[in-house]
Amino acid sequence: MLEMGPANAFAVLSPAFKGAEQDFATNLHANRGCTFLADDRCQLHGTGLQPLECRCTHHDRPGMGERCHADLEKQWNSPAGRALVLQWSNQTEFWQRHPLPR
């Protein structure tokens, strides 16, 4: 799902809440949990595909959430991060479903 950074200055691709796949991150689906969580276990754990944010803030580095989020913000708020969001948006037709206001 697409999560907007502070002041909507940049976007972050993050693991989706169930029901928010290929959509904006909102509180509407937050209580449903992560789309990759089944039977209280991450389906991506140990596959090498586990999202970096999950590894840093929830599993491998407990208590390091704020620092990890700051590091991730720097990565997403960059030309490479913006390019990845644009690629994902084009592949999922995100902006066709959510046109920007003119």
PDB file of N, CA and C in Angstrom:
ATOM      1  N   MET A   1       0.848  -1.170   0.000  1.00  0.00           N
ATOM      2  CA  MET A   1       0.000   0.000   0.000  1.00  0.00           C
ATOM      3  C   MET A   1       0.888   1.224   0.000  1.00  0.00           C
ATOM      4  N   LEU A   2       0.341   2.330  -0.377  1.00  0.00           N
ATOM      5  CA  LEU A   2       1.083   3.578  -0.461  1.00  0.00           C
ATOM      6  C   LEU A   2       0.807   4.398   0.787  1.00  0.00           C
ATOM      7  N   GLU A   3       1.878   4.719   1.480  1.00  0.00           N
ATOM      8  CA  GLU A   3       1.780   5.517   2.695  1.00  0.00           C
ATOM      9  C   GLU A   3       2.458   6.851   2.418  1.00  0.00           C
ATOM     10  N   MET A   4       1.814   7.926   2.784  1.00  0.00           N
ATOM     11  CA  MET A   4       2.381   9.245   2.525  1.00  0.00           C
ATOM     12  C   MET A   4       3.284   9.664   3.674  1.00  0.00           C
ATOM     13  N   GLY A   5       4.433  10.268   3.317  1.00  0.00           N
ATOM     14  CA  GLY A   5       5.378  10.753   4.305  1.00  0.00           C
ATOM     15  C   GLY A   5       4.894  12.057   4.921  1.00  0.00           C
ATOM     16  N   PRO A   6       5.682  12.598   5.847  1.00  0.00           N
ATOM     17  CA  PRO A   6       5.312  13.858   6.497  1.00  0.00           C
ATOM     18  C   PRO A   6       5.031  14.965   5.487  1.00  0.00           C
ATOM     19  N   ALA A   7       3.960  15.680   5.713  1.00  0.00           N
ATOM     20  CA  ALA A   7       3.513  16.789   4.858  1.00  0.00           C
ATOM     21  C   ALA A   7       3.307  16.346   3.410  1.00  0.00           C
ATOM     22  N   ASN A   8       3.069  15.046   3.204  1.00  0.00           N
ATOM     23  CA  ASN A   8       2.874  14.488   1.864  1.00  0.00           C
ATOM     24  C   ASN A   8       4.029  14.816   0.918  1.00  0.00           C
ATOM     25  N   ALA A   9       5.233  14.948   1.470  1.00  0.00           N
ATOM     26  CA  ALA A   9       6.404  15.319   0.678  1.00  0.00           C
ATOM     27  C   ALA A   9       6.926  14.163  -0.165  1.00  0.00           C
ATOM     28  N   PHE A  10       6.626  12.944   0.234  1.00  0.00           N
ATOM     29  CA  PHE A  10       7.077  11.764  -0.501  1.00  0.00           C
ATOM     30  C   PHE A  10       6.181  10.604  -0.098  1.00  0.00           C
ATOM     31  N   ALA A  11       6.327   9.494  -0.806  1.00  0.00           N
ATOM     32  CA  ALA A  11       5.504   8.318  -0.526  1.00  0.00           C
ATOM     33  C   ALA A  11       6.396   7.127  -0.187  1.00  0.00           C
ATOM     34  N   VAL A  12       5.815   6.187   0.540  1.00  0.00           N
ATOM     35  CA  VAL A  12       6.504   4.974   0.965  1.00  0.00           C
ATOM     36  C   VAL A  12       5.637   3.782   0.584  1.00  0.00           C
ATOM     37  N   LEU A  13       6.236   2.781   0.000  1.00  0.00           N
ATOM     38  CA  LEU A  13       5.527   1.520  -0.220  1.00  0.00           C
ATOM     39  C   LEU A  13       5.703   0.685   1.031  1.00  0.00           C
ATOM     40  N   SER A  14       4.620   0.240   1.610  1.00  0.00           N
ATOM     41  CA  SER A  14       4.706  -0.522   2.855  1.00  0.00           C
ATOM     42  C   SER A  14       3.785  -1.733   2.794  1.00  0.00           C
ATOM     43  N   PRO A  15       4.050  -2.713   3.662  1.00  0.00           N
ATOM     44  CA  PRO A  15       3.162  -3.882   3.705  1.00  0.00           C
ATOM     45  C   PRO A  15       1.735  -3.417   3.958  1.00  0.00           C
ATOM     46  N   ALA A  16       0.810  -3.978   3.241  1.00  0.00           N
ATOM     47  CA  ALA A  16      -0.570  -3.510   3.289  1.00  0.00           C
ATOM     48  C   ALA A  16      -1.348  -4.107   4.445  1.00  0.00           C
ATOM     49  N   PHE A  17      -2.277  -3.303   4.947  1.00  0.00           N
ATOM     50  CA  PHE A  17      -3.302  -3.839   5.830  1.00  0.00           C
ATOM     51  C   PHE A  17      -4.225  -4.689   4.965  1.00  0.00           C
ATOM     52  N   LYS A  18      -4.775  -5.738   5.527  1.00  0.00           N
ATOM     53  CA  LYS A  18      -5.727  -6.559   4.766  1.00  0.00           C
ATOM     54  C   LYS A  18      -6.860  -5.671   4.279  1.00  0.00           C
ATOM     55  N   GLY A  19      -7.112  -5.717   2.987  1.00  0.00           N
ATOM     56  CA  GLY A  19      -8.145  -4.893   2.387  1.00  0.00           C
ATOM     57  C   GLY A  19      -7.626  -3.604   1.782  1.00  0.00           C
ATOM     58  N   ALA A  20      -6.364  -3.266   2.045  1.00  0.00           N
ATOM     59  CA  ALA A  20      -5.792  -2.024   1.510  1.00  0.00           C
ATOM     60  C   ALA A  20      -4.686  -2.303   0.494  1.00  0.00           C
ATOM     61  N   GLU A  21      -4.616  -3.518  -0.014  1.00  0.00           N
ATOM     62  CA  GLU A  21      -3.604  -3.858  -1.000  1.00  0.00           C
ATOM     63  C   GLU A  21      -3.766  -2.953  -2.219  1.00  0.00           C
ATOM     64  N   GLN A  22      -2.672  -2.440  -2.723  1.00  0.00           N
ATOM     65  CA  GLN A  22      -2.653  -1.548  -3.880  1.00  0.00           C
ATOM     66  C   GLN A  22      -3.528  -0.317  -3.678  1.00  0.00           C
ATOM     67  N   ASP A  23      -3.529   0.206  -2.460  1.00  0.00           N
ATOM     68  CA  ASP A  23      -4.346   1.366  -2.127  1.00  0.00           C
ATOM     69  C   ASP A  23      -3.555   2.276  -1.197  1.00  0.00           C
ATOM     70  N   PHE A  24      -4.168   3.381  -0.790  1.00  0.00           N
ATOM     71  CA  PHE A  24      -3.575   4.261   0.207  1.00  0.00           C
ATOM     72  C   PHE A  24      -3.644   3.620   1.590  1.00  0.00           C
ATOM     73  N   ALA A  25      -2.663   3.913   2.413  1.00  0.00           N
ATOM     74  CA  ALA A  25      -2.692   3.510   3.807  1.00  0.00           C
ATOM     75  C   ALA A  25      -3.620   4.459   4.558  1.00  0.00           C
ATOM     76  N   THR A  26      -4.655   3.914   5.140  1.00  0.00           N
ATOM     77  CA  THR A  26      -5.575   4.713   5.959  1.00  0.00           C
ATOM     78  C   THR A  26      -5.917   3.907   7.205  1.00  0.00           C
ATOM     79  N   ASN A  27      -6.507   4.561   8.168  1.00  0.00           N
ATOM     80  CA  ASN A  27      -6.915   3.867   9.390  1.00  0.00           C
ATOM     81  C   ASN A  27      -8.116   2.958   9.175  1.00  0.00           C
ATOM     82  N   LEU A  28      -8.773   3.080   8.033  1.00  0.00           N
ATOM     83  CA  LEU A  28      -9.965   2.285   7.748  1.00  0.00           C
ATOM     84  C   LEU A  28      -9.702   0.784   7.881  1.00  0.00           C
ATOM     85  N   HIS A  29      -8.540   0.330   7.410  1.00  0.00           N
ATOM     86  CA  HIS A  29      -8.227  -1.102   7.438  1.00  0.00           C
ATOM     87  C   HIS A  29      -7.170  -1.471   8.479  1.00  0.00           C
ATOM     88  N   ALA A  30      -6.704  -0.515   9.267  1.00  0.00           N
ATOM     89  CA  ALA A  30      -5.601  -0.757  10.202  1.00  0.00           C
ATOM     90  C   ALA A  30      -5.898  -1.874  11.197  1.00  0.00           C
ATOM     91  N   ASN A  31      -7.138  -2.007  11.607  1.00  0.00           N
ATOM     92  CA  ASN A  31      -7.474  -3.032  12.609  1.00  0.00           C
ATOM     93  C   ASN A  31      -7.492  -4.445  12.029  1.00  0.00           C
ATOM     94  N   ARG A  32      -7.321  -4.586  10.725  1.00  0.00           N
ATOM     95  CA  ARG A  32      -7.342  -5.911  10.093  1.00  0.00           C
ATOM     96  C   ARG A  32      -5.978  -6.592  10.094  1.00  0.00           C
ATOM     97  N   GLY A  33      -4.937  -5.845  10.413  1.00  0.00           N
ATOM     98  CA  GLY A  33      -3.593  -6.412  10.447  1.00  0.00           C
ATOM     99  C   GLY A  33      -2.964  -6.497   9.068  1.00  0.00           C
ATOM    100  N   CYS A  34      -1.742  -6.987   9.049  1.00  0.00           N
ATOM    101  CA  CYS A  34      -0.944  -7.055   7.829  1.00  0.00           C
ATOM    102  C   CYS A  34      -1.462  -8.152   6.902  1.00  0.00           C
ATOM    103  N   THR A  35      -1.462  -7.864   5.620  1.00  0.00           N
ATOM    104  CA  THR A  35      -1.923  -8.825   4.627  1.00  0.00           C
ATOM    105  C   THR A  35      -1.063 -10.088   4.596  1.00  0.00           C
ATOM    106  N   PHE A  36       0.186 -10.003   5.070  1.00  0.00           N
ATOM    107  CA  PHE A  36       1.079 -11.160   5.071  1.00  0.00           C
ATOM    108  C   PHE A  36       1.007 -11.974   6.362  1.00  0.00           C
ATOM    109  N   LEU A  37       0.156 -11.572   7.293  1.00  0.00           N
ATOM    110  CA  LEU A  37       0.039 -12.271   8.564  1.00  0.00           C
ATOM    111  C   LEU A  37      -1.072 -13.321   8.492  1.00  0.00           C
ATOM    112  N   ALA A  38      -0.710 -14.578   8.770  1.00  0.00           N
ATOM    113  CA  ALA A  38      -1.685 -15.676   8.785  1.00  0.00           C
ATOM    114  C   ALA A  38      -1.398 -16.557   9.993  1.00  0.00           C
ATOM    115  N   ASP A  39      -2.422 -16.836  10.767  1.00  0.00           N
ATOM    116  CA  ASP A  39      -2.264 -17.639  11.980  1.00  0.00           C
ATOM    117  C   ASP A  39      -1.177 -17.071  12.883  1.00  0.00           C
ATOM    118  N   ASP A  40      -1.173 -15.739  13.028  1.00  0.00           N
ATOM    119  CA  ASP A  40      -0.213 -15.016  13.872  1.00  0.00           C
ATOM    120  C   ASP A  40       1.236 -15.197  13.446  1.00  0.00           C
ATOM    121  N   ARG A  41       1.471 -15.537  12.192  1.00  0.00           N
ATOM    122  CA  ARG A  41       2.830 -15.701  11.671  1.00  0.00           C
ATOM    123  C   ARG A  41       2.953 -14.961  10.343  1.00  0.00           C
ATOM    124  N   CYS A  42       4.117 -14.372  10.136  1.00  0.00           N
ATOM    125  CA  CYS A  42       4.387 -13.682   8.882  1.00  0.00           C
ATOM    126  C   CYS A  42       4.691 -14.709   7.801  1.00  0.00           C
ATOM    127  N   GLN A  43       3.927 -14.663   6.725  1.00  0.00           N
ATOM    128  CA  GLN A  43       4.128 -15.596   5.617  1.00  0.00           C
ATOM    129  C   GLN A  43       5.445 -15.341   4.885  1.00  0.00           C
ATOM    130  N   LEU A  44       6.036 -14.177   5.061  1.00  0.00           N
ATOM    131  CA  LEU A  44       7.284 -13.836   4.380  1.00  0.00           C
ATOM    132  C   LEU A  44       8.525 -14.108   5.235  1.00  0.00           C
ATOM    133  N   HIS A  45       8.322 -14.392   6.514  1.00  0.00           N
ATOM    134  CA  HIS A  45       9.458 -14.596   7.415  1.00  0.00           C
ATOM    135  C   HIS A  45      10.356 -15.730   6.904  1.00  0.00           C
ATOM    136  N   GLY A  46      11.638 -15.438   6.811  1.00  0.00           N
ATOM    137  CA  GLY A  46      12.606 -16.443   6.388  1.00  0.00           C
ATOM    138  C   GLY A  46      12.696 -16.652   4.892  1.00  0.00           C
ATOM    139  N   THR A  47      11.932 -15.888   4.101  1.00  0.00           N
ATOM    140  CA  THR A  47      11.946 -16.063   2.649  1.00  0.00           C
ATOM    141  C   THR A  47      12.935 -15.125   1.964  1.00  0.00           C
ATOM    142  N   GLY A  48      13.451 -14.155   2.711  1.00  0.00           N
ATOM    143  CA  GLY A  48      14.285 -13.125   2.105  1.00  0.00           C
ATOM    144  C   GLY A  48      13.464 -12.006   1.497  1.00  0.00           C
ATOM    145  N   LEU A  49      12.150 -12.109   1.571  1.00  0.00           N
ATOM    146  CA  LEU A  49      11.243 -11.103   0.999  1.00  0.00           C
ATOM    147  C   LEU A  49      10.576 -10.251   2.073  1.00  0.00           C
ATOM    148  N   GLN A  50      10.911 -10.488   3.320  1.00  0.00           N
ATOM    149  CA  GLN A  50      10.294  -9.744   4.411  1.00  0.00           C
ATOM    150  C   GLN A  50      10.624  -8.260   4.277  1.00  0.00           C
ATOM    151  N   PRO A  51       9.626  -7.376   4.334  1.00  0.00           N
ATOM    152  CA  PRO A  51       9.874  -5.944   4.182  1.00  0.00           C
ATOM    153  C   PRO A  51      10.884  -5.436   5.213  1.00  0.00           C
ATOM    154  N   LEU A  52      11.739  -4.532   4.760  1.00  0.00           N
ATOM    155  CA  LEU A  52      12.786  -3.988   5.615  1.00  0.00           C
ATOM    156  C   LEU A  52      12.206  -3.347   6.868  1.00  0.00           C
ATOM    157  N   GLU A  53      11.124  -2.628   6.716  1.00  0.00           N
ATOM    158  CA  GLU A  53      10.525  -1.966   7.878  1.00  0.00           C
ATOM    159  C   GLU A  53      10.111  -2.977   8.938  1.00  0.00           C
ATOM    160  N   CYS A  54       9.570  -4.087   8.523  1.00  0.00           N
ATOM    161  CA  CYS A  54       9.163  -5.115   9.484  1.00  0.00           C
ATOM    162  C   CYS A  54      10.371  -5.699  10.202  1.00  0.00           C
ATOM    163  N   ARG A  55      11.424  -5.989   9.450  1.00  0.00           N
ATOM    164  CA  ARG A  55      12.623  -6.558  10.054  1.00  0.00           C
ATOM    165  C   ARG A  55      13.242  -5.596  11.046  1.00  0.00           C
ATOM    166  N   CYS A  56      13.315  -4.321  10.666  1.00  0.00           N
ATOM    167  CA  CYS A  56      13.993  -3.337  11.508  1.00  0.00           C
ATOM    168  C   CYS A  56      13.188  -2.928  12.728  1.00  0.00           C
ATOM    169  N   THR A  57      11.914  -2.723  12.570  1.00  0.00           N
ATOM    170  CA  THR A  57      11.143  -2.140  13.664  1.00  0.00           C
ATOM    171  C   THR A  57      10.396  -3.170  14.501  1.00  0.00           C
ATOM    172  N   HIS A  58      10.212  -4.365  13.989  1.00  0.00           N
ATOM    173  CA  HIS A  58       9.393  -5.311  14.727  1.00  0.00           C
ATOM    174  C   HIS A  58      10.137  -6.571  15.173  1.00  0.00           C
ATOM    175  N   HIS A  59      11.169  -6.957  14.456  1.00  0.00           N
ATOM    176  CA  HIS A  59      11.753  -8.257  14.722  1.00  0.00           C
ATOM    177  C   HIS A  59      13.226  -8.196  15.120  1.00  0.00           C
ATOM    178  N   ASP A  60      14.078  -7.808  14.211  1.00  0.00           N
ATOM    179  CA  ASP A  60      15.510  -7.893  14.434  1.00  0.00           C
ATOM    180  C   ASP A  60      16.062  -6.834  15.369  1.00  0.00           C
ATOM    181  N   ARG A  61      15.369  -5.711  15.484  1.00  0.00           N
ATOM    182  CA  ARG A  61      15.890  -4.589  16.286  1.00  0.00           C
ATOM    183  C   ARG A  61      14.807  -3.990  17.175  1.00  0.00           C
ATOM    184  N   PRO A  62      14.286  -4.754  18.130  1.00  0.00           N
ATOM    185  CA  PRO A  62      13.232  -4.199  18.988  1.00  0.00           C
ATOM    186  C   PRO A  62      13.703  -2.929  19.691  1.00  0.00           C
ATOM    187  N   GLY A  63      12.806  -1.955  19.770  1.00  0.00           N
ATOM    188  CA  GLY A  63      13.117  -0.692  20.427  1.00  0.00           C
ATOM    189  C   GLY A  63      13.819   0.314  19.538  1.00  0.00           C
ATOM    190  N   MET A  64      14.116  -0.063  18.297  1.00  0.00           N
ATOM    191  CA  MET A  64      14.832   0.822  17.385  1.00  0.00           C
ATOM    192  C   MET A  64      13.899   1.433  16.339  1.00  0.00           C
ATOM    193  N   GLY A  65      12.599   1.398  16.599  1.00  0.00           N
ATOM    194  CA  GLY A  65      11.617   1.843  15.618  1.00  0.00           C
ATOM    195  C   GLY A  65      11.819   3.250  15.108  1.00  0.00           C
ATOM    196  N   GLU A  66      12.046   4.216  16.007  1.00  0.00           N
ATOM    197  CA  GLU A  66      12.185   5.604  15.568  1.00  0.00           C
ATOM    198  C   GLU A  66      13.398   5.787  14.671  1.00  0.00           C
ATOM    199  N   ARG A  67      14.510   5.190  15.047  1.00  0.00           N
ATOM    200  CA  ARG A  67      15.719   5.314  14.237  1.00  0.00           C
ATOM    201  C   ARG A  67      15.535   4.632  12.881  1.00  0.00           C
ATOM    202  N   CYS A  68      14.926   3.468  12.892  1.00  0.00           N
ATOM    203  CA  CYS A  68      14.692   2.745  11.650  1.00  0.00           C
ATOM    204  C   CYS A  68      13.773   3.546  10.734  1.00  0.00           C
ATOM    205  N   HIS A  69      12.710   4.122  11.289  1.00  0.00           N
ATOM    206  CA  HIS A  69      11.792   4.927  10.473  1.00  0.00           C
ATOM    207  C   HIS A  69      12.517   6.126   9.870  1.00  0.00           C
ATOM    208  N   ALA A  70      13.400   6.758  10.636  1.00  0.00           N
ATOM    209  CA  ALA A  70      14.156   7.899  10.108  1.00  0.00           C
ATOM    210  C   ALA A  70      15.070   7.461   8.966  1.00  0.00           C
ATOM    211  N   ASP A  71      15.730   6.318   9.115  1.00  0.00           N
ATOM    212  CA  ASP A  71      16.595   5.798   8.054  1.00  0.00           C
ATOM    213  C   ASP A  71      15.788   5.449   6.807  1.00  0.00           C
ATOM    214  N   LEU A  72      14.638   4.819   7.002  1.00  0.00           N
ATOM    215  CA  LEU A  72      13.784   4.472   5.868  1.00  0.00           C
ATOM    216  C   LEU A  72      13.252   5.720   5.171  1.00  0.00           C
ATOM    217  N   GLU A  73      12.934   6.741   5.947  1.00  0.00           N
ATOM    218  CA  GLU A  73      12.454   7.995   5.361  1.00  0.00           C
ATOM    219  C   GLU A  73      13.492   8.560   4.404  1.00  0.00           C
ATOM    220  N   LYS A  74      14.753   8.525   4.798  1.00  0.00           N
ATOM    221  CA  LYS A  74      15.817   9.037   3.923  1.00  0.00           C
ATOM    222  C   LYS A  74      15.873   8.250   2.616  1.00  0.00           C
ATOM    223  N   GLN A  75      15.673   6.947   2.692  1.00  0.00           N
ATOM    224  CA  GLN A  75      15.729   6.120   1.492  1.00  0.00           C
ATOM    225  C   GLN A  75      14.550   6.392   0.560  1.00  0.00           C
ATOM    226  N   TRP A  76      13.351   6.513   1.114  1.00  0.00           N
ATOM    227  CA  TRP A  76      12.173   6.748   0.271  1.00  0.00           C
ATOM    228  C   TRP A  76      12.121   8.172  -0.248  1.00  0.00           C
ATOM    229  N   ASN A  77      12.625   9.127   0.537  1.00  0.00           N
ATOM    230  CA  ASN A  77      12.622  10.537   0.134  1.00  0.00           C
ATOM    231  C   ASN A  77      13.890  10.819  -0.676  1.00  0.00           C
ATOM    232  N   SER A  78      14.029  10.103  -1.767  1.00  0.00           N
ATOM    233  CA  SER A  78      15.201  10.187  -2.632  1.00  0.00           C
ATOM    234  C   SER A  78      14.757   9.938  -4.076  1.00  0.00           C
ATOM    235  N   PRO A  79      15.598  10.263  -5.048  1.00  0.00           N
ATOM    236  CA  PRO A  79      15.237   9.967  -6.444  1.00  0.00           C
ATOM    237  C   PRO A  79      14.950   8.478  -6.662  1.00  0.00           C
ATOM    238  N   ALA A  80      15.733   7.600  -6.065  1.00  0.00           N
ATOM    239  CA  ALA A  80      15.508   6.157  -6.238  1.00  0.00           C
ATOM    240  C   ALA A  80      14.185   5.733  -5.604  1.00  0.00           C
ATOM    241  N   GLY A  81      13.869   6.276  -4.429  1.00  0.00           N
ATOM    242  CA  GLY A  81      12.608   5.955  -3.771  1.00  0.00           C
ATOM    243  C   GLY A  81      11.414   6.430  -4.577  1.00  0.00           C
ATOM    244  N   ARG A  82      11.498   7.645  -5.080  1.00  0.00           N
ATOM    245  CA  ARG A  82      10.409   8.184  -5.906  1.00  0.00           C
ATOM    246  C   ARG A  82      10.225   7.359  -7.184  1.00  0.00           C
ATOM    247  N   ALA A  83      11.343   6.926  -7.782  1.00  0.00           N
ATOM    248  CA  ALA A  83      11.268   6.115  -8.999  1.00  0.00           C
ATOM    249  C   ALA A  83      10.582   4.782  -8.724  1.00  0.00           C
ATOM    250  N   LEU A  84      10.867   4.185  -7.576  1.00  0.00           N
ATOM    251  CA  LEU A  84      10.236   2.910  -7.230  1.00  0.00           C
ATOM    252  C   LEU A  84       8.738   3.077  -7.002  1.00  0.00           C
ATOM    253  N   VAL A  85       8.351   4.151  -6.335  1.00  0.00           N
ATOM    254  CA  VAL A  85       6.922   4.427  -6.132  1.00  0.00           C
ATOM    255  C   VAL A  85       6.235   4.643  -7.478  1.00  0.00           C
ATOM    256  N   LEU A  86       6.881   5.364  -8.377  1.00  0.00           N
ATOM    257  CA  LEU A  86       6.307   5.596  -9.706  1.00  0.00           C
ATOM    258  C   LEU A  86       6.165   4.276 -10.466  1.00  0.00           C
ATOM    259  N   GLN A  87       7.170   3.428 -10.404  1.00  0.00           N
ATOM    260  CA  GLN A  87       7.101   2.120 -11.078  1.00  0.00           C
ATOM    261  C   GLN A  87       5.945   1.294 -10.515  1.00  0.00           C
ATOM    262  N   TRP A  88       5.830   1.226  -9.195  1.00  0.00           N
ATOM    263  CA  TRP A  88       4.737   0.481  -8.556  1.00  0.00           C
ATOM    264  C   TRP A  88       3.390   1.071  -8.967  1.00  0.00           C
ATOM    265  N   SER A  89       3.297   2.391  -8.964  1.00  0.00           N
ATOM    266  CA  SER A  89       2.046   3.068  -9.326  1.00  0.00           C
ATOM    267  C   SER A  89       1.622   2.728 -10.748  1.00  0.00           C
ATOM    268  N   ASN A  90       2.586   2.687 -11.650  1.00  0.00           N
ATOM    269  CA  ASN A  90       2.279   2.340 -13.042  1.00  0.00           C
ATOM    270  C   ASN A  90       1.878   0.873 -13.165  1.00  0.00           C
ATOM    271  N   GLN A  91       2.577  -0.009 -12.476  1.00  0.00           N
ATOM    272  CA  GLN A  91       2.269  -1.442 -12.557  1.00  0.00           C
ATOM    273  C   GLN A  91       0.902  -1.774 -11.979  1.00  0.00           C
ATOM    274  N   THR A  92       0.512  -1.079 -10.939  1.00  0.00           N
ATOM    275  CA  THR A  92      -0.766  -1.372 -10.281  1.00  0.00           C
ATOM    276  C   THR A  92      -1.901  -0.482 -10.782  1.00  0.00           C
ATOM    277  N   GLU A  93      -1.589   0.444 -11.703  1.00  0.00           N
ATOM    278  CA  GLU A  93      -2.564   1.430 -12.191  1.00  0.00           C
ATOM    279  C   GLU A  93      -3.157   2.242 -11.045  1.00  0.00           C
ATOM    280  N   PHE A  94      -2.325   2.503 -10.058  1.00  0.00           N
ATOM    281  CA  PHE A  94      -2.744   3.223  -8.851  1.00  0.00           C
ATOM    282  C   PHE A  94      -3.346   4.583  -9.183  1.00  0.00           C
ATOM    283  N   TRP A  95      -2.654   5.373 -10.016  1.00  0.00           N
ATOM    284  CA  TRP A  95      -3.128   6.731 -10.279  1.00  0.00           C
ATOM    285  C   TRP A  95      -4.343   6.759 -11.188  1.00  0.00           C
ATOM    286  N   GLN A  96      -4.604   5.692 -11.925  1.00  0.00           N
ATOM    287  CA  GLN A  96      -5.847   5.623 -12.689  1.00  0.00           C
ATOM    288  C   GLN A  96      -7.025   5.472 -11.719  1.00  0.00           C
ATOM    289  N   ARG A  97      -6.799   4.767 -10.624  1.00  0.00           N
ATOM    290  CA  ARG A  97      -7.861   4.577  -9.624  1.00  0.00           C
ATOM    291  C   ARG A  97      -7.941   5.751  -8.655  1.00  0.00           C
ATOM    292  N   HIS A  98      -6.838   6.472  -8.501  1.00  0.00           N
ATOM    293  CA  HIS A  98      -6.775   7.610  -7.559  1.00  0.00           C
ATOM    294  C   HIS A  98      -6.165   8.812  -8.260  1.00  0.00           C
ATOM    295  N   PRO A  99      -6.876   9.420  -9.201  1.00  0.00           N
ATOM    296  CA  PRO A  99      -6.300  10.570  -9.912  1.00  0.00           C
ATOM    297  C   PRO A  99      -6.025  11.736  -8.969  1.00  0.00           C
ATOM    298  N   LEU A 100      -4.944  12.425  -9.248  1.00  0.00           N
ATOM    299  CA  LEU A 100      -4.606  13.620  -8.455  1.00  0.00           C
ATOM    300  C   LEU A 100      -5.598  14.720  -8.779  1.00  0.00           C
ATOM    301  N   PRO A 101      -5.968  15.527  -7.774  1.00  0.00           N
ATOM    302  CA  PRO A 101      -6.852  16.668  -8.038  1.00  0.00           C
ATOM    303  C   PRO A 101      -6.144  17.677  -8.941  1.00  0.00           C
ATOM    304  N   ARG A 102      -6.891  18.269  -9.807  1.00  0.00           N
ATOM    305  CA  ARG A 102      -6.297  19.275 -10.731  1.00  0.00           C
ATOM    306  C   ARG A 102      -6.667  20.667 -10.306  1.00  0.00           C
TER     307      ARG A 102
END
